[in-house]
Structures are given as C-alpha cells and as structure tokens.
C-alpha atoms as a PDB file:
ATOM      1  CA  MET A   1       3.434 -55.821 -26.645  1.00  0.00           C
ATOM      2  CA  ARG A   2       3.130 -53.085 -29.059  1.00  0.00           C
ATOM      3  CA  LEU A   3      -0.068 -51.553 -27.473  1.00  0.00           C
ATOM      4  CA  SER A   4       1.453 -51.320 -24.110  1.00  0.00           C
ATOM      5  CA  PHE A   5       4.809 -49.871 -25.307  1.00  0.00           C
ATOM      6  CA  PHE A   6       2.526 -46.881 -27.308  1.00  0.00           C
ATOM      7  CA  LEU A   7       0.838 -46.384 -24.095  1.00  0.00           C
ATOM      8  CA  VAL A   8       4.037 -45.924 -22.101  1.00  0.00           C
ATOM      9  CA  ILE A   9       5.389 -43.668 -25.000  1.00  0.00           C
ATOM     10  CA  LEU A  10       2.346 -41.818 -24.911  1.00  0.00           C
ATOM     11  CA  LEU A  11       2.183 -41.528 -21.389  1.00  0.00           C
ATOM     12  CA  SER A  12       5.662 -40.416 -21.082  1.00  0.00           C
ATOM     13  CA  LEU A  13       4.967 -37.293 -23.739  1.00  0.00           C
ATOM     14  CA  THR A  14       2.013 -36.284 -21.654  1.00  0.00           C
ATOM     15  CA  CYS A  15       3.262 -36.344 -18.465  1.00  0.00           C
ATOM     16  CA  VAL A  16       3.820 -32.997 -16.944  1.00  0.00           C
ATOM     17  CA  LEU A  17       5.367 -32.429 -13.769  1.00  0.00           C
ATOM     18  CA  ALA A  18       4.462 -29.157 -11.464  1.00  0.00           C
ATOM     19  CA  SER A  19       6.556 -27.990  -8.755  1.00  0.00           C
ATOM     20  CA  THR A  20       5.322 -25.353  -6.388  1.00  0.00           C
ATOM     21  CA  TRP A  21       7.623 -23.081  -4.133  1.00  0.00           C
ATOM     22  CA  GLU A  22       7.376 -20.011  -1.720  1.00  0.00           C
ATOM     23  CA  GLN A  23       9.681 -17.176  -2.061  1.00  0.00           C
ATOM     24  CA  ASP A  24      10.155 -14.575   0.570  1.00  0.00           C
ATOM     25  CA  LEU A  25      10.629 -11.169  -1.022  1.00  0.00           C
ATOM     26  CA  GLY A  26      11.618  -9.505   2.482  1.00  0.00           C
ATOM     27  CA  ILE A  27      10.003  -7.418   5.238  1.00  0.00           C
ATOM     28  CA  VAL A  28       8.749  -3.538   4.718  1.00  0.00           C
ATOM     29  CA  THR A  29       8.537  -1.404   7.491  1.00  0.00           C
ATOM     30  CA  SER A  30       6.670   2.089   7.128  1.00  0.00           C
ATOM     31  CA  ALA A  31       9.870   3.834   7.081  1.00  0.00           C
ATOM     32  CA  ASP A  32      11.052   1.912   3.902  1.00  0.00           C
ATOM     33  CA  ALA A  33       7.617   1.934   2.147  1.00  0.00           C
ATOM     34  CA  PRO A  34       6.587   1.748  -0.558  1.00  0.00           C
ATOM     35  CA  HIS A  35       9.124  -0.841  -1.363  1.00  0.00           C
ATOM     36  CA  ALA A  36       9.347  -2.893  -4.653  1.00  0.00           C
ATOM     37  CA  PHE A  37      10.966  -6.131  -5.272  1.00  0.00           C
ATOM     38  CA  SER A  38      12.110  -7.597  -8.329  1.00  0.00           C
ATOM     39  CA  VAL A  39      10.571 -11.180  -9.081  1.00  0.00           C
ATOM     40  CA  GLU A  40      12.068 -13.415 -12.316  1.00  0.00           C
ATOM     41  CA  LEU A  41       9.324 -16.066 -13.409  1.00  0.00           C
ATOM     42  CA  PRO A  42       9.996 -18.916 -15.410  1.00  0.00           C
ATOM     43  CA  GLU A  43       8.449 -19.139 -19.153  1.00  0.00           C
ATOM     44  CA  ASP A  44       6.475 -22.050 -17.839  1.00  0.00           C
ATOM     45  CA  PHE A  45       4.751 -20.547 -14.697  1.00  0.00           C
ATOM     46  CA  ARG A  46       1.256 -21.508 -13.966  1.00  0.00           C
ATOM     47  CA  SER A  47       0.174 -19.692 -10.993  1.00  0.00           C
ATOM     48  CA  VAL A  48       1.525 -16.879  -8.773  1.00  0.00           C
ATOM     49  CA  GLU A  49      -0.076 -16.216  -5.402  1.00  0.00           C
ATOM     50  CA  VAL A  50       0.742 -13.200  -2.707  1.00  0.00           C
ATOM     51  CA  ALA A  51       0.502 -12.942   0.519  1.00  0.00           C
ATOM     52  CA  ASN A  52       1.570 -10.804   3.439  1.00  0.00           C
ATOM     53  CA  TYR A  53       2.833 -11.731   7.337  1.00  0.00           C
ATOM     54  CA  GLN A  54       3.935  -9.873  10.396  1.00  0.00           C
ATOM     55  CA  ALA A  55       7.722 -10.218  10.574  1.00  0.00           C
ATOM     56  CA  GLU A  56       7.078 -11.711  14.146  1.00  0.00           C
ATOM     57  CA  ASP A  57       5.385 -14.677  12.311  1.00  0.00           C
ATOM     58  CA  PRO A  58       6.164 -15.564   8.871  1.00  0.00           C
ATOM     59  CA  ASN A  59       4.117 -18.846   9.157  1.00  0.00           C
ATOM     60  CA  THR A  60       0.687 -16.806   9.284  1.00  0.00           C
ATOM     61  CA  VAL A  61      -0.086 -15.298   6.286  1.00  0.00           C
ATOM     62  CA  ALA A  62      -2.910 -13.112   4.869  1.00  0.00           C
ATOM     63  CA  LYS A  63      -4.330 -11.797   1.616  1.00  0.00           C
ATOM     64  CA  TYR A  64      -4.389  -8.165   2.795  1.00  0.00           C
ATOM     65  CA  MET A  65      -2.266  -6.594   5.584  1.00  0.00           C
ATOM     66  CA  GLY A  66      -1.176  -3.098   6.468  1.00  0.00           C
ATOM     67  CA  TRP A  67      -2.870   0.021   7.141  1.00  0.00           C
ATOM     68  CA  ASP A  68      -3.396   2.183   4.374  1.00  0.00           C
ATOM     69  CA  GLY A  69      -1.768  -0.632   2.380  1.00  0.00           C
ATOM     70  CA  TYR A  70      -1.439  -1.745  -1.108  1.00  0.00           C
ATOM     71  CA  VAL A  71       0.112  -4.312  -3.425  1.00  0.00           C
ATOM     72  CA  LYS A  72       0.983  -3.386  -6.755  1.00  0.00           C
ATOM     73  CA  ILE A  73       2.086  -6.088  -9.456  1.00  0.00           C
ATOM     74  CA  ASN A  74       4.024  -4.644 -12.676  1.00  0.00           C
ATOM     75  CA  ASP A  75       2.427  -1.222 -11.696  1.00  0.00           C
ATOM     76  CA  GLN A  76      -1.420  -2.414 -11.298  1.00  0.00           C
ATOM     77  CA  LEU A  77      -3.045  -2.592  -8.026  1.00  0.00           C
ATOM     78  CA  VAL A  78      -3.750  -5.824  -6.817  1.00  0.00           C
ATOM     79  CA  TRP A  79      -5.412  -4.648  -3.538  1.00  0.00           C
ATOM     80  CA  ASN A  80      -5.743  -1.515  -1.872  1.00  0.00           C
ATOM     81  CA  PHE A  81      -7.180  -0.279   1.882  1.00  0.00           C
ATOM     82  CA  LYS A  82     -10.404   1.789   1.509  1.00  0.00           C
ATOM     83  CA  SER A  83     -11.676   2.499   4.795  1.00  0.00           C
ATOM     84  CA  ALA A  84     -11.745   1.213   8.316  1.00  0.00           C
ATOM     85  CA  SER A  85     -14.972   1.809  10.553  1.00  0.00           C
ATOM     86  CA  PRO A  86     -16.425  -0.061  13.903  1.00  0.00           C
ATOM     87  CA  ASN A  87     -17.630  -2.865  11.338  1.00  0.00           C
ATOM     88  CA  GLY A  88     -13.974  -3.782   9.972  1.00  0.00           C
ATOM     89  CA  ILE A  89     -11.243  -2.885   7.634  1.00  0.00           C
ATOM     90  CA  PHE A  90     -12.114  -2.823   4.085  1.00  0.00           C
ATOM     91  CA  VAL A  91     -10.029  -3.440   0.953  1.00  0.00           C
ATOM     92  CA  PHE A  92     -10.886  -3.242  -2.966  1.00  0.00           C
ATOM     93  CA  ASP A  93      -9.586  -6.722  -4.335  1.00  0.00           C
ATOM     94  CA  ARG A  94      -8.997  -6.467  -7.979  1.00  0.00           C
ATOM     95  CA  THR A  95      -8.822 -10.259  -8.346  1.00  0.00           C
ATOM     96  CA  VAL A  96     -12.770 -10.229  -7.664  1.00  0.00           C
ATOM     97  CA  GLY A  97     -13.438  -6.688  -8.693  1.00  0.00           C
ATOM     98  CA  LYS A  98     -15.241  -5.625  -5.083  1.00  0.00           C
ATOM     99  CA  VAL A  99     -14.407  -4.195  -1.872  1.00  0.00           C
ATOM    100  CA  VAL A 100     -14.038  -7.068   0.910  1.00  0.00           C
ATOM    101  CA  ASP A 101     -13.512  -7.368   4.431  1.00  0.00           C
ATOM    102  CA  GLY A 102      -9.769  -7.405   5.270  1.00  0.00           C
ATOM    103  CA  SER A 103     -10.269  -9.754   8.135  1.00  0.00           C
ATOM    104  CA  SER A 104     -11.840 -12.677   5.092  1.00  0.00           C
ATOM    105  CA  GLY A 105      -7.926 -13.182   3.801  1.00  0.00           C
ATOM    106  CA  VAL A 106      -6.686 -14.326   6.999  1.00  0.00           C
ATOM    107  CA  GLY A 107      -4.936 -17.682   6.482  1.00  0.00           C
ATOM    108  CA  PHE A 108      -5.139 -17.468   2.719  1.00  0.00           C
ATOM    109  CA  TRP A 109      -2.861 -16.339  -0.396  1.00  0.00           C
ATOM    110  CA  LEU A 110      -4.125 -14.264  -3.037  1.00  0.00           C
ATOM    111  CA  ASP A 111      -4.343 -15.630  -6.422  1.00  0.00           C
ATOM    112  CA  ALA A 112      -2.661 -12.779  -8.568  1.00  0.00           C
ATOM    113  CA  THR A 113      -1.644 -14.793 -11.703  1.00  0.00           C
ATOM    114  CA  ARG A 114      -3.132 -12.375 -13.838  1.00  0.00           C
ATOM    115  CA  PHE A 115      -0.795  -9.713 -12.867  1.00  0.00           C
ATOM    116  CA  PHE A 116       2.476 -11.483 -13.628  1.00  0.00           C
ATOM    117  CA  LYS A 117       4.341 -12.315 -16.807  1.00  0.00           C
ATOM    118  CA  ALA A 118       7.156 -14.779 -17.634  1.00  0.00           C
ATOM    119  CA  GLY A 119      10.334 -12.779 -16.981  1.00  0.00           C
ATOM    120  CA  LYS A 120      11.264 -10.012 -15.159  1.00  0.00           C
ATOM    121  CA  ASN A 121       8.151  -8.531 -12.638  1.00  0.00           C
ATOM    122  CA  THR A 122       7.863  -6.021  -9.750  1.00  0.00           C
ATOM    123  CA  VAL A 123       5.990  -6.456  -6.664  1.00  0.00           C
ATOM    124  CA  GLU A 124       5.412  -3.151  -4.761  1.00  0.00           C
ATOM    125  CA  PHE A 125       4.130  -3.258  -1.191  1.00  0.00           C
ATOM    126  CA  TYR A 126       3.036  -0.466   1.042  1.00  0.00           C
ATOM    127  CA  HIS A 127       1.770   0.102   4.497  1.00  0.00           C
ATOM    128  CA  ARG A 128       1.705   2.560   7.487  1.00  0.00           C
ATOM    129  CA  ASN A 129       2.015   0.297  10.430  1.00  0.00           C
ATOM    130  CA  GLN A 130       4.191   1.010  13.147  1.00  0.00           C
ATOM    131  CA  GLY A 131       6.348  -1.789  14.399  1.00  0.00           C
ATOM    132  CA  SER A 132       8.902  -4.262  13.126  1.00  0.00           C
ATOM    133  CA  GLY A 133       7.449  -4.655   9.769  1.00  0.00           C
ATOM    134  CA  ILE A 134       5.167  -6.619   7.208  1.00  0.00           C
ATOM    135  CA  GLY A 135       6.635  -9.337   4.950  1.00  0.00           C
ATOM    136  CA  VAL A 136       5.632 -10.308   1.359  1.00  0.00           C
ATOM    137  CA  LYS A 137       5.801 -13.727   0.078  1.00  0.00           C
ATOM    138  CA  LEU A 138       4.954 -15.548  -3.192  1.00  0.00           C
ATOM    139  CA  ARG A 139       3.711 -18.965  -3.961  1.00  0.00           C
ATOM    140  CA  ILE A 140       4.445 -19.993  -7.505  1.00  0.00           C
ATOM    141  CA  THR A 141       3.293 -23.017  -9.337  1.00  0.00           C
ATOM    142  CA  ALA A 142       5.429 -24.068 -12.533  1.00  0.00           C
ATOM    143  CA  ILE A 143       4.861 -26.921 -15.156  1.00  0.00           C
ATOM    144  CA  SER A 144       8.117 -27.993 -16.908  1.00  0.00           C
ATOM    145  CA  SER A 145       7.876 -30.740 -19.403  1.00  0.00           C
ATOM    146  CA  GLU A 146      11.612 -31.173 -19.677  1.00  0.00           C
ATOM    147  CA  GLU A 147      11.435 -31.769 -15.808  1.00  0.00           C
ATOM    148  CA  ALA A 148       8.657 -34.206 -16.624  1.00  0.00           C
ATOM    149  CA  LYS A 149      10.742 -35.996 -19.390  1.00  0.00           C
ATOM    150  CA  GLU A 150      13.854 -36.602 -17.067  1.00  0.00           C
ATOM    151  CA  GLN A 151      11.402 -37.960 -14.384  1.00  0.00           C
ATOM    152  CA  SER A 152       9.716 -40.405 -16.494  1.00  0.00           C
ATOM    153  CA  SER A 153      12.985 -41.333 -18.228  1.00  0.00           C
ATOM    154  CA  SER A 154      14.403 -42.128 -14.925  1.00  0.00           C
ATOM    155  CA  ARG A 155      11.652 -44.695 -14.296  1.00  0.00           C
ATOM    156  CA  TRP A 156      12.779 -46.670 -17.197  1.00  0.00           C
END
C-alpha cells in the first residue's frame, strides 16, 4: 500500500502537460512590408515554429513564402530569399545553415525555437508579392508544471 501511494505521488510530481496552439499573426501585403509583429511567449515555452500562407488559403502553410522575402525574429534573419532560376527558387535557411529549394518547405512548419525567448519577441516579415498578401503563423508548444499539477489533482 505504501509503495503504490509513493508511486502515485512520484507520478504526480513528474507529470508534465504540454499544450500546443497556433497564433495567426496576420496578413502582410507588399505595400505594408516589412511588417513587425509583437509576440509574448510564456516562461515555459518549449518550441516555436513559424509558417507562411497565402491570404486566400490560410490552411496551407509553407516554411518559406514571398518574392524577395525574409523572416526575422528578434532582429535575426531566420530565412531569406537568395535567387530564382529555371531550376527553382532558393532561400537561405539559417535553421539548417544552407541554401535550400524554396518549394521544399511547402506543407511544413519551420522550427525557429532558438530565435525566440520567453517574454516579448518581434517577428518581422517582408515580401514583394502582388495580390491579397501573405500571412504569418506561429505554432507554440509550452509545458506547464502548474497545469500538470492541476490535471493530476483532478484525477484523485
């Protein structure tokens, strides 16, 4: 009986609840670019991914988007347009440290965690595309021991 009680207490203390949510920062038109967004992150954030989307299709994301575009986080370039040729559009992705084919990011989020900090952050996006604009989204994961404690106490 004592052993099972001890295990329940131990599991309650080590239980961690992760929550993930998306934050749509908004649409940027070429006339409004560059545009900086302010983002507040909790102390317990674990990861932040960034993605772009066409204003007409907010459910289809890409790591890289926008002619002559870039994303900066806290004044550090995360990725930027490098060149276009018949072979494709190329961007320099600082998360991997090399030039990549821009189309390789379609359908994916870019893990930009190392560029963020707890508290106030700035996400800047620039592009020269015509049309209704390009949006910027974040996908944030945080781990809260307080939430974990509440969840485990509600089970007993």
